[in-house]
Amino acid sequence: MLIRSNKRKEELDKDIIKIHSSRFMGFRAKPMKKGDLLQFLAKETFEKEAPKTEKTKKRSVLIANDNEVLLGALSMQVGHYADTIYTAKNVTEAMTLYTTHAPDMILSDLDFGKNEDTGYDLLEQIRSKNMEVGFYVMSGSDRSMEEKKALSKGATGYIQMPLKRAILNQIFG
């Protein structure tokens, strides 16, 4: 539950938390900014935080996406499964972070904008250094075309956007 109001009262917070403790996400002022809405939707995807298990406690993930707001939302979602998250807005940044930190997994968008290297370019560069690291291509493009291409180029898997909790559960097990 999200309440949008310019007339917030602290006593209302307490009443709502008592009634809807597991679903109350808070107040947002009007007008709601795009980033606030995306954060809310990212949280809404996860009714409860995924528990950190021994298996996921030490995991590090690199997320590459040119959209800053989406990058933030993805980081919040993946943050339930990993201790360390590195974010990159382009292939050059992603390769620098990969070389410096050697993350356990990479989640990469396909399209980084006009005249920019693509997620496939990043995949090729990563695979030239490491064939074992998990590399998932994320895209809102036509799955029937992109999934086969991604897998044929060496991706571990393909994630159809928008990202769903069930997919993260599968990936992070």
C-alpha atoms as a PDB file:
ATOM      1  CA  MET A   1       0.000   0.000   0.000  1.00  0.00           C
ATOM      2  CA  LEU A   2       1.229   3.447  -0.905  1.00  0.00           C
ATOM      3  CA  ILE A   3      -0.492   6.615   0.243  1.00  0.00           C
ATOM      4  CA  ARG A   4      -0.013   9.776  -1.798  1.00  0.00           C
ATOM      5  CA  SER A   5      -0.914  12.883   0.139  1.00  0.00           C
ATOM      6  CA  ASN A   6       0.260  16.363   0.928  1.00  0.00           C
ATOM      7  CA  LYS A   7      -1.469  16.114   4.309  1.00  0.00           C
ATOM      8  CA  ARG A   8       0.571  13.551   6.179  1.00  0.00           C
ATOM      9  CA  LYS A   9      -0.011  12.910   9.845  1.00  0.00           C
ATOM     10  CA  GLU A  10       2.355  10.804  11.930  1.00  0.00           C
ATOM     11  CA  GLU A  11      -0.506   9.238  13.890  1.00  0.00           C
ATOM     12  CA  LEU A  12      -1.906   7.967  10.588  1.00  0.00           C
ATOM     13  CA  ASP A  13       1.408   6.156   9.985  1.00  0.00           C
ATOM     14  CA  LYS A  14       0.966   4.194  13.210  1.00  0.00           C
ATOM     15  CA  ASP A  15      -2.660   3.277  12.486  1.00  0.00           C
ATOM     16  CA  ILE A  16      -1.872   2.078   8.982  1.00  0.00           C
ATOM     17  CA  ILE A  17       1.142   0.083  10.114  1.00  0.00           C
ATOM     18  CA  LYS A  18      -1.001  -1.696  12.722  1.00  0.00           C
ATOM     19  CA  ILE A  19      -3.632  -2.613  10.141  1.00  0.00           C
ATOM     20  CA  HIS A  20      -1.404  -3.415   7.137  1.00  0.00           C
ATOM     21  CA  SER A  21       2.016  -4.024   8.660  1.00  0.00           C
ATOM     22  CA  SER A  22       3.225  -6.419   5.978  1.00  0.00           C
ATOM     23  CA  ARG A  23       2.073  -4.335   3.021  1.00  0.00           C
ATOM     24  CA  PHE A  24       2.359  -0.676   4.078  1.00  0.00           C
ATOM     25  CA  MET A  25       5.155   0.957   2.150  1.00  0.00           C
ATOM     26  CA  GLY A  26       4.738   4.528   3.269  1.00  0.00           C
ATOM     27  CA  PHE A  27       3.765   7.943   2.101  1.00  0.00           C
ATOM     28  CA  ARG A  28       4.872   9.785  -1.009  1.00  0.00           C
ATOM     29  CA  ALA A  29       4.227  13.453  -1.548  1.00  0.00           C
ATOM     30  CA  LYS A  30       2.254  14.732  -4.514  1.00  0.00           C
ATOM     31  CA  PRO A  31       3.224  15.043  -7.275  1.00  0.00           C
ATOM     32  CA  MET A  32       5.070  11.735  -7.318  1.00  0.00           C
ATOM     33  CA  LYS A  33       8.305  11.810  -9.240  1.00  0.00           C
ATOM     34  CA  LYS A  34       9.079   9.107 -11.801  1.00  0.00           C
ATOM     35  CA  GLY A  35      11.956   7.765  -9.679  1.00  0.00           C
ATOM     36  CA  ASP A  36       9.727   7.465  -6.602  1.00  0.00           C
ATOM     37  CA  LEU A  37       7.144   5.523  -8.556  1.00  0.00           C
ATOM     38  CA  LEU A  38       9.758   3.153  -9.989  1.00  0.00           C
ATOM     39  CA  GLN A  39      11.187   2.576  -6.515  1.00  0.00           C
ATOM     40  CA  PHE A  40       7.713   1.803  -5.237  1.00  0.00           C
ATOM     41  CA  LEU A  41       7.067  -0.611  -8.097  1.00  0.00           C
ATOM     42  CA  ALA A  42      10.436  -2.300  -7.539  1.00  0.00           C
ATOM     43  CA  LYS A  43       9.588  -2.806  -3.877  1.00  0.00           C
ATOM     44  CA  GLU A  44       6.076  -3.937  -4.763  1.00  0.00           C
ATOM     45  CA  THR A  45       7.587  -6.741  -6.814  1.00  0.00           C
ATOM     46  CA  PHE A  46       8.863  -8.173  -3.545  1.00  0.00           C
ATOM     47  CA  GLU A  47       6.138  -8.715  -0.986  1.00  0.00           C
ATOM     48  CA  LYS A  48       8.793  -9.757   1.503  1.00  0.00           C
ATOM     49  CA  GLU A  49      12.539  -9.572   1.346  1.00  0.00           C
ATOM     50  CA  ALA A  50      14.172 -12.713   0.121  1.00  0.00           C
ATOM     51  CA  PRO A  51      16.091 -14.196   3.043  1.00  0.00           C
ATOM     52  CA  LYS A  52      19.845 -13.986   2.846  1.00  0.00           C
ATOM     53  CA  THR A  53      21.153 -17.504   3.013  1.00  0.00           C
ATOM     54  CA  GLU A  54      24.705 -18.720   3.266  1.00  0.00           C
ATOM     55  CA  LYS A  55      24.520 -19.401  -0.470  1.00  0.00           C
ATOM     56  CA  THR A  56      23.702 -15.781  -1.355  1.00  0.00           C
ATOM     57  CA  LYS A  57      25.496 -13.914   1.425  1.00  0.00           C
ATOM     58  CA  LYS A  58      28.797 -13.531  -0.373  1.00  0.00           C
ATOM     59  CA  ARG A  59      27.490 -13.028  -3.899  1.00  0.00           C
ATOM     60  CA  SER A  60      28.464  -9.963  -5.908  1.00  0.00           C
ATOM     61  CA  VAL A  61      26.567  -8.817  -8.976  1.00  0.00           C
ATOM     62  CA  LEU A  62      27.350  -6.342 -11.749  1.00  0.00           C
ATOM     63  CA  ILE A  63      24.291  -4.697 -13.296  1.00  0.00           C
ATOM     64  CA  ALA A  64      24.783  -2.818 -16.572  1.00  0.00           C
ATOM     65  CA  ASN A  65      21.996  -0.560 -17.868  1.00  0.00           C
ATOM     66  CA  ASP A  66      22.078   2.928 -19.365  1.00  0.00           C
ATOM     67  CA  ASN A  67      18.828   4.042 -17.688  1.00  0.00           C
ATOM     68  CA  GLU A  68      19.777   5.427 -14.256  1.00  0.00           C
ATOM     69  CA  VAL A  69      16.306   5.087 -12.762  1.00  0.00           C
ATOM     70  CA  LEU A  70      15.971   1.502 -13.952  1.00  0.00           C
ATOM     71  CA  LEU A  71      19.497   0.768 -12.767  1.00  0.00           C
ATOM     72  CA  GLY A  72      18.490   1.947  -9.282  1.00  0.00           C
ATOM     73  CA  ALA A  73      15.324  -0.151  -9.290  1.00  0.00           C
ATOM     74  CA  LEU A  74      17.220  -3.243 -10.488  1.00  0.00           C
ATOM     75  CA  SER A  75      19.829  -2.704  -7.783  1.00  0.00           C
ATOM     76  CA  MET A  76      17.102  -2.657  -5.149  1.00  0.00           C
ATOM     77  CA  GLN A  77      15.587  -5.871  -6.483  1.00  0.00           C
ATOM     78  CA  VAL A  78      18.880  -7.736  -6.788  1.00  0.00           C
ATOM     79  CA  GLY A  79      20.008  -6.362  -3.415  1.00  0.00           C
ATOM     80  CA  HIS A  80      17.752  -8.899  -1.732  1.00  0.00           C
ATOM     81  CA  TYR A  81      19.946 -11.670  -3.135  1.00  0.00           C
ATOM     82  CA  ALA A  82      23.470 -10.260  -3.139  1.00  0.00           C
ATOM     83  CA  ASP A  83      25.762  -8.507  -0.708  1.00  0.00           C
ATOM     84  CA  THR A  84      27.588  -6.376  -3.237  1.00  0.00           C
ATOM     85  CA  ILE A  85      26.171  -4.715  -6.315  1.00  0.00           C
ATOM     86  CA  TYR A  86      28.221  -2.841  -8.880  1.00  0.00           C
ATOM     87  CA  THR A  87      26.421  -0.662 -11.422  1.00  0.00           C
ATOM     88  CA  ALA A  88      27.553   0.505 -14.834  1.00  0.00           C
ATOM     89  CA  LYS A  89      25.868   2.742 -17.407  1.00  0.00           C
ATOM     90  CA  ASN A  90      27.842   1.493 -20.397  1.00  0.00           C
ATOM     91  CA  VAL A  91      30.109  -1.313 -21.562  1.00  0.00           C
ATOM     92  CA  THR A  92      33.338   0.539 -20.723  1.00  0.00           C
ATOM     93  CA  GLU A  93      32.247   1.091 -17.110  1.00  0.00           C
ATOM     94  CA  ALA A  94      31.065  -2.504 -16.872  1.00  0.00           C
ATOM     95  CA  MET A  95      34.407  -3.879 -18.078  1.00  0.00           C
ATOM     96  CA  THR A  96      36.311  -1.666 -15.646  1.00  0.00           C
ATOM     97  CA  LEU A  97      34.157  -2.895 -12.751  1.00  0.00           C
ATOM     98  CA  TYR A  98      34.433  -6.499 -13.928  1.00  0.00           C
ATOM     99  CA  THR A  99      38.223  -6.293 -14.156  1.00  0.00           C
ATOM    100  CA  THR A 100      38.539  -4.562 -10.782  1.00  0.00           C
ATOM    101  CA  HIS A 101      36.032  -6.575  -8.742  1.00  0.00           C
ATOM    102  CA  ALA A 102      35.417  -9.897 -10.578  1.00  0.00           C
ATOM    103  CA  PRO A 103      31.713 -10.154  -9.648  1.00  0.00           C
ATOM    104  CA  ASP A 104      30.040 -13.561  -9.406  1.00  0.00           C
ATOM    105  CA  MET A 105      27.282 -12.637 -11.843  1.00  0.00           C
ATOM    106  CA  ILE A 106      26.480 -10.073 -14.526  1.00  0.00           C
ATOM    107  CA  LEU A 107      23.043  -8.783 -15.524  1.00  0.00           C
ATOM    108  CA  SER A 108      23.264  -6.699 -18.668  1.00  0.00           C
ATOM    109  CA  ASP A 109      20.850  -4.725 -20.792  1.00  0.00           C
ATOM    110  CA  LEU A 110      21.225  -5.139 -24.553  1.00  0.00           C
ATOM    111  CA  ASP A 111      20.853  -1.555 -25.730  1.00  0.00           C
ATOM    112  CA  PHE A 112      23.059   1.141 -24.219  1.00  0.00           C
ATOM    113  CA  GLY A 113      21.996   3.860 -26.627  1.00  0.00           C
ATOM    114  CA  LYS A 114      22.853   5.119 -30.066  1.00  0.00           C
ATOM    115  CA  ASN A 115      26.494   4.692 -31.121  1.00  0.00           C
ATOM    116  CA  GLU A 116      27.298   2.743 -27.939  1.00  0.00           C
ATOM    117  CA  ASP A 117      28.566  -0.803 -27.540  1.00  0.00           C
ATOM    118  CA  THR A 118      25.795  -3.299 -26.837  1.00  0.00           C
ATOM    119  CA  GLY A 119      25.186  -5.948 -24.218  1.00  0.00           C
ATOM    120  CA  TYR A 120      26.396  -8.472 -26.792  1.00  0.00           C
ATOM    121  CA  ASP A 121      29.695  -6.579 -27.007  1.00  0.00           C
ATOM    122  CA  LEU A 122      29.973  -6.790 -23.221  1.00  0.00           C
ATOM    123  CA  LEU A 123      29.155 -10.500 -23.321  1.00  0.00           C
ATOM    124  CA  GLU A 124      31.871 -11.101 -25.907  1.00  0.00           C
ATOM    125  CA  GLN A 125      34.458  -9.200 -23.841  1.00  0.00           C
ATOM    126  CA  ILE A 126      33.506 -11.033 -20.642  1.00  0.00           C
ATOM    127  CA  ARG A 127      33.554 -14.439 -22.319  1.00  0.00           C
ATOM    128  CA  SER A 128      37.028 -13.737 -23.718  1.00  0.00           C
ATOM    129  CA  LYS A 129      38.200 -13.503 -20.085  1.00  0.00           C
ATOM    130  CA  ASN A 130      35.885 -15.892 -18.251  1.00  0.00           C
ATOM    131  CA  MET A 131      33.604 -18.611 -19.607  1.00  0.00           C
ATOM    132  CA  GLU A 132      32.241 -19.546 -16.181  1.00  0.00           C
ATOM    133  CA  VAL A 133      30.801 -16.311 -14.742  1.00  0.00           C
ATOM    134  CA  GLY A 134      27.003 -16.142 -14.886  1.00  0.00           C
ATOM    135  CA  PHE A 135      25.968 -13.633 -17.559  1.00  0.00           C
ATOM    136  CA  TYR A 136      22.287 -12.840 -18.035  1.00  0.00           C
ATOM    137  CA  VAL A 137      21.041 -10.649 -20.841  1.00  0.00           C
ATOM    138  CA  MET A 138      18.043  -8.491 -19.860  1.00  0.00           C
ATOM    139  CA  SER A 139      15.781  -6.934 -22.444  1.00  0.00           C
ATOM    140  CA  GLY A 140      12.272  -5.817 -23.186  1.00  0.00           C
ATOM    141  CA  SER A 141      12.809  -6.773 -26.821  1.00  0.00           C
ATOM    142  CA  ASP A 142      11.111  -9.684 -28.560  1.00  0.00           C
ATOM    143  CA  ARG A 143      12.119 -12.740 -26.532  1.00  0.00           C
ATOM    144  CA  SER A 144      11.795 -15.161 -29.442  1.00  0.00           C
ATOM    145  CA  MET A 145      14.560 -13.345 -31.305  1.00  0.00           C
ATOM    146  CA  GLU A 146      16.882 -12.188 -28.542  1.00  0.00           C
ATOM    147  CA  GLU A 147      16.939 -15.233 -26.279  1.00  0.00           C
ATOM    148  CA  LYS A 148      18.315 -17.570 -28.960  1.00  0.00           C
ATOM    149  CA  LYS A 149      20.884 -14.990 -30.008  1.00  0.00           C
ATOM    150  CA  ALA A 150      22.001 -14.355 -26.406  1.00  0.00           C
ATOM    151  CA  LEU A 151      22.388 -18.056 -25.644  1.00  0.00           C
ATOM    152  CA  SER A 152      24.249 -18.697 -28.908  1.00  0.00           C
ATOM    153  CA  LYS A 153      26.730 -15.945 -27.993  1.00  0.00           C
ATOM    154  CA  GLY A 154      27.433 -17.532 -24.604  1.00  0.00           C
ATOM    155  CA  ALA A 155      24.933 -15.969 -22.199  1.00  0.00           C
ATOM    156  CA  THR A 156      23.944 -18.081 -19.223  1.00  0.00           C
ATOM    157  CA  GLY A 157      20.355 -16.984 -19.692  1.00  0.00           C
ATOM    158  CA  TYR A 158      17.920 -14.384 -20.941  1.00  0.00           C
ATOM    159  CA  ILE A 159      15.657 -12.285 -18.702  1.00  0.00           C
ATOM    160  CA  GLN A 160      12.548 -10.765 -20.219  1.00  0.00           C
ATOM    161  CA  MET A 161      11.878  -7.356 -18.724  1.00  0.00           C
ATOM    162  CA  PRO A 162      10.169  -6.281 -16.571  1.00  0.00           C
ATOM    163  CA  LEU A 163      12.098  -8.347 -14.047  1.00  0.00           C
ATOM    164  CA  LYS A 164       9.995 -10.647 -11.876  1.00  0.00           C
ATOM    165  CA  ARG A 165      10.798 -12.079  -8.468  1.00  0.00           C
ATOM    166  CA  ALA A 166      10.292 -15.651  -9.677  1.00  0.00           C
ATOM    167  CA  ILE A 167      13.101 -15.173 -12.207  1.00  0.00           C
ATOM    168  CA  LEU A 168      15.451 -13.859  -9.521  1.00  0.00           C
ATOM    169  CA  ASN A 169      14.563 -16.808  -7.313  1.00  0.00           C
ATOM    170  CA  GLN A 170      15.534 -19.145 -10.170  1.00  0.00           C
ATOM    171  CA  ILE A 171      18.774 -17.343 -10.915  1.00  0.00           C
ATOM    172  CA  PHE A 172      19.941 -16.976  -7.335  1.00  0.00           C
ATOM    173  CA  GLY A 173      18.403 -20.248  -6.122  1.00  0.00           C
END
